[in-house]
Amino acid sequence: MDLNALLYAGILIVTGLLFGKIAKYAKLPNVTGYLVGGLLIGPSILGLVSGDAIETMEIVSNVALGFIAFSIGNELKISYFKQMGTRPIVIAILEALFGVVFVFVAVILYFLITGQLDLTNIRFALVLAAIAAATAP
């Protein structure tokens, strides 16, 4: 077994536990701590765990995502959703819909103004609109 993989796994576990406890102390969900901890030790900030190491530990990443998703589900309260009714669902649908329409129309207008509107650019506008729906907050 590769000792670097064990070292990285240890760093990930300790960081997850530490930042999970810090998040709980701050009265935040554990998931928030996991995300902040991962961001800090990852290649973007401190670089304790390199991008290559993360790629080699794909199974650990998938298991961790499963635990994070389970933790998020554990934090959700059905009674809150019953109290709020359908309002959040309507807001989310309208937000995604308006994001898609806005991006599509903006890209089409850009290509119309520049005189480059053709089938390929319409497809491009559709792809960007779909991405806007998937990434809408």
Protein backbone atom coordinates (compact mmCIF):
# COMPACT_ATOMS: atom_id res chain seq x y z
CA MET A 1 0.00 0.00 0.00
CA ASP A 2 1.27 3.46 -0.87
CA LEU A 3 2.29 5.41 2.24
CA ASN A 4 1.44 8.72 0.57
CA ALA A 5 -2.15 7.54 0.12
CA LEU A 6 -2.32 6.70 3.83
CA LEU A 7 -0.85 10.08 4.74
CA TYR A 8 -3.38 11.89 2.55
CA ALA A 9 -6.23 9.78 3.95
CA GLY A 10 -5.11 10.65 7.47
CA ILE A 11 -4.92 14.34 6.65
CA LEU A 12 -8.41 14.21 5.16
CA ILE A 13 -9.91 12.37 8.13
CA VAL A 14 -8.30 14.62 10.75
CA THR A 15 -9.27 17.76 8.84
CA GLY A 16 -12.84 16.54 8.40
CA LEU A 17 -13.20 15.73 12.10
CA LEU A 18 -11.60 18.99 13.21
CA PHE A 19 -13.59 21.27 10.93
CA GLY A 20 -16.79 19.32 11.58
CA LYS A 21 -16.38 19.98 15.32
CA ILE A 22 -15.57 23.65 14.69
CA ALA A 23 -18.71 23.97 12.57
CA LYS A 24 -20.84 22.35 15.28
CA TYR A 25 -19.31 24.72 17.86
CA ALA A 26 -20.27 27.64 15.61
CA LYS A 27 -23.79 26.16 15.40
CA LEU A 28 -23.39 25.34 11.70
CA PRO A 29 -23.99 22.00 9.97
CA ASN A 30 -21.02 19.60 9.84
CA VAL A 31 -21.13 19.83 6.06
CA THR A 32 -20.05 23.47 6.24
CA GLY A 33 -16.98 22.48 8.21
CA TYR A 34 -16.15 19.68 5.79
CA LEU A 35 -16.35 22.05 2.83
CA VAL A 36 -14.25 24.77 4.49
CA GLY A 37 -11.67 22.21 5.64
CA GLY A 38 -11.42 20.68 2.18
CA LEU A 39 -11.05 24.09 0.61
CA LEU A 40 -8.27 25.03 3.02
CA ILE A 41 -6.13 21.90 2.67
CA GLY A 42 -6.78 21.45 -1.04
CA PRO A 43 -4.60 22.71 -3.87
CA SER A 44 -6.38 26.08 -4.00
CA ILE A 45 -5.19 27.51 -0.66
CA LEU A 46 -2.68 25.60 1.49
CA GLY A 47 -1.88 22.82 -0.97
CA LEU A 48 -1.44 20.11 1.69
CA VAL A 49 -3.21 17.70 -0.63
CA SER A 50 -2.30 18.06 -4.31
CA GLY A 51 -4.69 17.75 -7.22
CA ASP A 52 -2.94 14.54 -8.32
CA ALA A 53 -3.45 13.01 -4.89
CA ILE A 54 -7.13 13.87 -5.01
CA GLU A 55 -7.47 12.19 -8.41
CA THR A 56 -5.82 8.99 -7.13
CA MET A 57 -8.22 8.87 -4.19
CA GLU A 58 -11.40 8.88 -6.29
CA ILE A 59 -13.03 6.13 -4.21
CA VAL A 60 -12.46 8.12 -1.03
CA SER A 61 -13.96 11.18 -2.74
CA ASN A 62 -17.08 9.24 -3.75
CA VAL A 63 -17.53 7.80 -0.26
CA ALA A 64 -17.01 11.26 1.26
CA LEU A 65 -19.62 12.75 -1.08
CA GLY A 66 -22.01 10.04 0.01
CA PHE A 67 -21.43 10.88 3.68
CA ILE A 68 -21.82 14.59 2.99
CA ALA A 69 -25.09 14.00 1.13
CA PHE A 70 -26.30 11.81 3.99
CA SER A 71 -25.32 14.52 6.47
CA ILE A 72 -27.20 17.15 4.47
CA GLY A 73 -30.27 14.93 4.45
CA ASN A 74 -29.92 14.50 8.20
CA GLU A 75 -29.89 18.28 8.70
CA LEU A 76 -33.09 18.84 6.70
CA LYS A 77 -36.30 19.02 8.69
CA ILE A 78 -39.52 17.89 7.00
CA SER A 79 -41.57 19.99 9.43
CA TYR A 80 -39.86 23.12 8.06
CA PHE A 81 -40.89 22.21 4.52
CA LYS A 82 -44.46 21.51 5.64
CA GLN A 83 -44.54 24.90 7.35
CA MET A 84 -43.21 26.73 4.27
CA GLY A 85 -45.55 24.99 1.84
CA THR A 86 -44.94 25.14 -1.91
CA ARG A 87 -43.40 28.61 -1.88
CA PRO A 88 -39.71 27.50 -1.97
CA ILE A 89 -40.43 25.08 -4.83
CA VAL A 90 -42.16 27.78 -6.88
CA ILE A 91 -39.31 30.22 -6.22
CA ALA A 92 -36.67 27.65 -7.23
CA ILE A 93 -38.51 26.75 -10.45
CA LEU A 94 -39.06 30.39 -11.42
CA GLU A 95 -35.45 31.28 -10.63
CA ALA A 96 -34.13 28.48 -12.82
CA LEU A 97 -36.60 29.31 -15.59
CA PHE A 98 -35.74 33.01 -15.61
CA GLY A 99 -32.03 32.19 -15.55
CA VAL A 100 -32.40 29.95 -18.60
CA VAL A 101 -34.51 32.47 -20.51
CA PHE A 102 -32.24 35.40 -19.63
CA VAL A 103 -29.03 33.65 -20.67
CA PHE A 104 -30.57 32.28 -23.87
CA VAL A 105 -32.00 35.66 -24.91
CA ALA A 106 -28.78 37.51 -24.00
CA VAL A 107 -26.61 35.15 -26.06
CA ILE A 108 -29.01 35.22 -29.02
CA LEU A 109 -29.08 39.04 -28.89
CA TYR A 110 -25.30 39.12 -28.82
CA PHE A 111 -25.09 36.95 -31.92
CA LEU A 112 -27.83 39.01 -33.64
CA ILE A 113 -25.99 42.27 -32.93
CA THR A 114 -22.66 40.89 -34.13
CA GLY A 115 -24.28 39.32 -37.20
CA GLN A 116 -23.12 35.80 -36.31
CA LEU A 117 -26.47 34.13 -35.65
CA ASP A 118 -26.50 30.67 -37.18
CA LEU A 119 -27.55 27.18 -36.09
CA THR A 120 -24.24 26.49 -34.33
CA ASN A 121 -24.53 29.64 -32.24
CA ILE A 122 -28.16 28.86 -31.38
CA ARG A 123 -26.98 25.48 -30.09
CA PHE A 124 -24.25 27.27 -28.15
CA ALA A 125 -26.89 29.56 -26.60
CA LEU A 126 -28.95 26.51 -25.60
CA VAL A 127 -25.93 24.89 -23.95
CA LEU A 128 -25.14 28.06 -22.01
CA ALA A 129 -28.78 28.33 -20.95
CA ALA A 130 -28.73 24.73 -19.72
CA ILE A 131 -25.56 25.43 -17.75
CA ALA A 132 -27.24 28.49 -16.25
CA ALA A 133 -30.11 26.29 -15.05
CA ALA A 134 -27.75 23.78 -13.50
CA THR A 135 -25.71 26.43 -11.68
CA ALA A 136 -28.49 28.83 -10.66
CA PRO A 137 -28.29 29.52 -6.92
